Amino acid sequence: MLCKAIDIYKTYSLGKVKVEALCGINLEIKKNEYISIMGPSGSGKSTLMHILGCLDTATSGKYYFEDRLVSEYTDIELARIRNSAVGFVFQNFNLLPRLSALGNVALPLIYARMNKEDREERAREILNKIGLGDRINHRPNELSGGECQRVAIARALVNNPKIIFADEPTGNLDSKTGAEILAFFDMLVAEGNTIVVVTHDSNIASHAKRIIRLSDGRIVDA
């Protein structure tokens, strides 16, 4: 089992008001699964992704990543997981504007302490794989939205992560470019990758092999 959440609750305090974002989530994710977490705005899907991706911690409950209780990890170990075991793809790409496509993709490898020659070779290899070999020296403002998202996907892949989380990955793209990104996800799953897509769009969710529907912080269908 890659990920296992048991009775996960997440509560936010807004002054004197407490908001329950997640209410008793139980979920298992196996290797090589293609899952969509679907729900309307405010349903808790992004909060759940942040906990599953070790970006946030639950208020209560247990979360296991690769059979180890995440609450037992040190801060250094959690940082290592976020950098190397988990890949993230966001709606707004989150690319650094001053860096080229190559520089953005190679960035996680700096934190992994790989030397410059090896990390540039690895970044170039991934960019070639996703069809951007001729755009490696272009900065984000010189790339289309679809190309920026593919750079973001390449960055998520560069450390060979155990799982990739994509939060509304086609939200800023036209339908044709969005379809190309989803086709690329299909290819990644066929190669053995594990992908979790967070979306409110049923058309996007339908590409996954399993859909988990959230409403008001609870799983209503899995």
Protein backbone atom coordinates (compact mmCIF):
# COMPACT_ATOMS: atom_id res chain seq x y z
CA MET A 1 0.00 0.00 0.00
CA LEU A 2 1.43 3.39 -1.00
CA CYS A 3 -0.86 5.66 1.04
CA LYS A 4 -3.37 4.87 3.76
CA ALA A 5 -5.52 7.41 5.61
CA ILE A 6 -7.48 6.27 8.66
CA ASP A 7 -10.23 8.43 10.19
CA ILE A 8 -8.59 11.70 9.10
CA TYR A 9 -10.01 14.95 10.43
CA LYS A 10 -8.79 18.46 9.65
CA THR A 11 -10.11 21.44 11.55
CA TYR A 12 -9.21 25.09 10.95
CA SER A 13 -9.75 27.79 13.55
CA LEU A 14 -10.93 31.12 12.16
CA GLY A 15 -11.02 33.26 15.25
CA LYS A 16 -13.67 31.73 17.46
CA VAL A 17 -15.13 29.76 14.58
CA LYS A 18 -13.92 26.23 13.84
CA VAL A 19 -14.27 24.84 10.32
CA GLU A 20 -14.10 21.11 9.74
CA ALA A 21 -12.47 20.69 6.33
CA LEU A 22 -12.22 16.89 6.56
CA CYS A 23 -14.47 14.65 8.63
CA GLY A 24 -13.36 11.05 9.08
CA ILE A 25 -11.62 10.28 5.78
CA ASN A 26 -10.64 6.65 5.16
CA LEU A 27 -8.71 6.06 1.95
CA GLU A 28 -6.12 3.70 0.47
CA ILE A 29 -4.01 4.33 -2.63
CA LYS A 30 -2.10 1.50 -4.26
CA LYS A 31 0.93 1.76 -6.53
CA ASN A 32 0.15 2.43 -10.20
CA GLU A 33 -3.38 3.66 -9.47
CA TYR A 34 -4.91 6.57 -11.40
CA ILE A 35 -7.34 8.26 -9.02
CA SER A 36 -9.44 11.40 -9.21
CA ILE A 37 -10.55 13.24 -6.08
CA MET A 38 -13.63 15.13 -7.15
CA GLY A 39 -15.92 17.60 -5.45
CA PRO A 40 -17.21 21.17 -5.55
CA SER A 41 -15.32 24.13 -4.14
CA GLY A 42 -15.08 23.81 -0.36
CA SER A 43 -15.56 20.05 -0.32
CA GLY A 44 -12.10 19.45 1.17
CA LYS A 45 -10.38 17.94 -1.85
CA SER A 46 -7.35 20.27 -1.85
CA THR A 47 -7.00 19.88 1.93
CA LEU A 48 -6.99 16.11 1.47
CA MET A 49 -4.36 16.36 -1.27
CA HIS A 50 -2.14 18.48 0.97
CA ILE A 51 -2.32 15.88 3.74
CA LEU A 52 -1.73 12.96 1.37
CA GLY A 53 1.22 14.84 -0.16
CA CYS A 54 2.70 15.62 3.28
CA LEU A 55 2.28 19.37 2.76
CA ASP A 56 -0.03 19.54 5.77
CA THR A 57 -0.90 17.40 8.79
CA ALA A 58 -4.25 16.11 10.01
CA THR A 59 -5.84 17.38 13.22
CA SER A 60 -6.54 13.77 14.16
CA GLY A 61 -6.40 10.32 12.59
CA LYS A 62 -3.52 8.33 11.15
CA TYR A 63 -1.81 8.67 7.78
CA TYR A 64 0.69 6.12 6.49
CA PHE A 65 3.03 6.75 3.57
CA GLU A 66 4.73 3.57 2.36
CA ASP A 67 3.62 1.76 5.52
CA ARG A 68 5.18 4.28 7.88
CA LEU A 69 3.13 6.58 10.11
CA VAL A 70 3.74 10.10 8.79
CA SER A 71 3.46 11.67 12.26
CA GLU A 72 6.66 9.80 13.17
CA TYR A 73 8.72 11.44 10.41
CA THR A 74 11.12 14.23 11.36
CA ASP A 75 10.89 17.60 9.59
CA ILE A 76 13.97 16.69 7.56
CA GLU A 77 12.44 13.37 6.51
CA LEU A 78 9.18 15.09 5.53
CA ALA A 79 11.10 17.61 3.42
CA ARG A 80 12.86 14.72 1.70
CA ILE A 81 9.54 13.03 0.95
CA ARG A 82 8.07 16.22 -0.52
CA ASN A 83 11.13 16.72 -2.70
CA SER A 84 11.78 13.19 -3.94
CA ALA A 85 8.91 10.79 -3.17
CA VAL A 86 6.02 13.09 -4.11
CA GLY A 87 5.54 15.19 -7.25
CA PHE A 88 3.13 18.13 -7.45
CA VAL A 89 1.46 19.73 -10.46
CA PHE A 90 -0.61 22.87 -9.85
CA GLN A 91 -3.18 24.79 -11.88
CA ASN A 92 -1.00 27.92 -11.96
CA PHE A 93 2.16 25.96 -12.91
CA ASN A 94 4.25 27.58 -10.08
CA LEU A 95 7.29 27.97 -12.32
CA LEU A 96 10.05 30.42 -11.43
CA PRO A 97 9.90 33.19 -14.07
CA ARG A 98 13.65 33.90 -14.15
CA LEU A 99 14.60 30.28 -14.80
CA SER A 100 14.50 28.48 -18.14
CA ALA A 101 12.47 25.33 -18.64
CA LEU A 102 15.66 23.38 -17.94
CA GLY A 103 16.34 25.35 -14.76
CA ASN A 104 12.80 24.88 -13.45
CA VAL A 105 12.86 21.14 -14.04
CA ALA A 106 16.33 20.75 -12.52
CA LEU A 107 15.41 22.71 -9.36
CA PRO A 108 14.31 19.71 -7.20
CA LEU A 109 17.60 18.01 -8.01
CA ILE A 110 19.51 20.88 -6.38
CA TYR A 111 17.75 20.10 -3.10
CA ALA A 112 18.58 16.43 -3.72
CA ARG A 113 22.25 17.55 -3.87
CA MET A 114 22.87 16.23 -7.37
CA ASN A 115 25.78 17.86 -9.17
CA LYS A 116 25.04 20.39 -11.91
CA GLU A 117 26.07 18.21 -14.86
CA ASP A 118 23.94 15.25 -13.75
CA ARG A 119 20.88 17.31 -12.87
CA GLU A 120 20.93 19.16 -16.21
CA GLU A 121 21.28 15.85 -18.03
CA ARG A 122 18.32 14.41 -16.10
CA ALA A 123 16.20 17.54 -16.67
CA ARG A 124 17.01 17.51 -20.39
CA GLU A 125 16.06 13.82 -20.57
CA ILE A 126 12.62 14.48 -19.01
CA LEU A 127 11.97 17.55 -21.19
CA ASN A 128 12.78 15.52 -24.30
CA LYS A 129 10.40 12.83 -23.12
CA ILE A 130 7.48 15.25 -22.91
CA GLY A 131 8.26 16.85 -26.26
CA LEU A 132 9.93 20.06 -25.11
CA GLY A 133 13.50 19.26 -26.09
CA ASP A 134 13.59 22.31 -28.37
CA ARG A 135 12.26 24.66 -25.65
CA ILE A 136 14.67 23.91 -22.81
CA ASN A 137 16.22 27.40 -22.81
CA HIS A 138 12.90 29.26 -22.92
CA ARG A 139 11.55 30.99 -19.83
CA PRO A 140 7.91 30.60 -18.77
CA ASN A 141 6.83 33.89 -20.40
CA GLU A 142 8.15 32.52 -23.70
CA LEU A 143 6.07 29.33 -23.47
CA SER A 144 2.38 28.63 -24.03
CA GLY A 145 0.13 27.55 -21.17
CA GLY A 146 0.29 23.95 -22.30
CA GLU A 147 4.07 24.06 -22.53
CA CYS A 148 4.30 25.59 -19.03
CA GLN A 149 2.14 22.79 -17.65
CA ARG A 150 4.31 20.18 -19.33
CA VAL A 151 7.37 21.82 -17.76
CA ALA A 152 5.59 21.59 -14.41
CA ILE A 153 4.88 17.90 -15.03
CA ALA A 154 8.51 17.32 -15.99
CA ARG A 155 9.59 18.99 -12.74
CA ALA A 156 7.23 16.69 -10.82
CA LEU A 157 8.73 13.65 -12.56
CA VAL A 158 12.41 14.54 -12.38
CA ASN A 159 13.06 12.77 -9.05
CA ASN A 160 11.15 9.61 -10.04
CA PRO A 161 8.49 10.16 -7.34
CA LYS A 162 6.34 7.41 -5.85
CA ILE A 163 3.16 9.43 -6.50
CA ILE A 164 2.13 12.54 -8.43
CA PHE A 165 -0.61 14.89 -7.21
CA ALA A 166 -2.16 17.19 -9.82
CA ASP A 167 -4.46 19.96 -8.52
CA GLU A 168 -6.81 21.16 -11.31
CA PRO A 169 -3.97 20.57 -13.83
CA THR A 170 -6.01 21.68 -16.86
CA GLY A 171 -7.81 24.59 -15.18
CA ASN A 172 -5.88 27.30 -17.03
CA LEU A 173 -5.75 25.50 -20.38
CA ASP A 174 -8.02 25.36 -23.40
CA SER A 175 -9.87 22.10 -24.02
CA LYS A 176 -7.46 20.83 -26.71
CA THR A 177 -4.35 21.48 -24.62
CA GLY A 178 -6.08 20.04 -21.54
CA ALA A 179 -6.82 16.86 -23.46
CA GLU A 180 -3.13 16.60 -24.40
CA ILE A 181 -2.12 16.87 -20.72
CA LEU A 182 -4.62 14.16 -19.76
CA ALA A 183 -3.32 11.92 -22.55
CA PHE A 184 0.15 12.41 -21.11
CA PHE A 185 -1.13 11.31 -17.69
CA ASP A 186 -2.54 8.17 -19.33
CA MET A 187 0.93 7.45 -20.70
CA LEU A 188 2.55 7.97 -17.30
CA VAL A 189 0.13 5.54 -15.65
CA ALA A 190 0.80 2.99 -18.41
CA GLU A 191 4.50 3.31 -17.51
CA GLY A 192 3.77 2.45 -13.87
CA ASN A 193 3.34 5.86 -12.25
CA THR A 194 0.74 6.61 -9.56
CA ILE A 195 -1.35 9.73 -10.20
CA VAL A 196 -3.99 11.51 -8.14
CA VAL A 197 -5.87 14.30 -9.92
CA VAL A 198 -7.89 16.77 -7.87
CA THR A 199 -10.71 18.40 -9.83
CA HIS A 200 -14.28 19.69 -9.75
CA ASP A 201 -14.76 18.75 -13.43
CA SER A 202 -16.47 15.42 -14.11
CA ASN A 203 -14.94 15.23 -17.62
CA ILE A 204 -11.43 15.45 -16.15
CA ALA A 205 -12.29 12.99 -13.39
CA SER A 206 -13.62 10.44 -15.89
CA HIS A 207 -10.09 9.84 -17.22
CA ALA A 208 -9.09 8.26 -13.90
CA LYS A 209 -9.61 4.58 -13.15
CA ARG A 210 -11.20 5.38 -9.77
CA ILE A 211 -13.17 8.45 -8.69
CA ILE A 212 -13.41 9.50 -5.04
CA ARG A 213 -16.19 12.04 -4.51
CA LEU A 214 -16.09 14.43 -1.58
CA SER A 215 -18.85 16.57 -0.13
CA ASP A 216 -18.53 18.73 2.98
CA GLY A 217 -15.30 17.02 3.98
CA ARG A 218 -16.65 13.48 3.68
CA ILE A 219 -16.22 10.76 1.09
CA VAL A 220 -19.64 10.12 -0.42
CA ASP A 221 -18.56 7.74 -3.16
CA ALA A 222 -15.36 5.80 -3.76
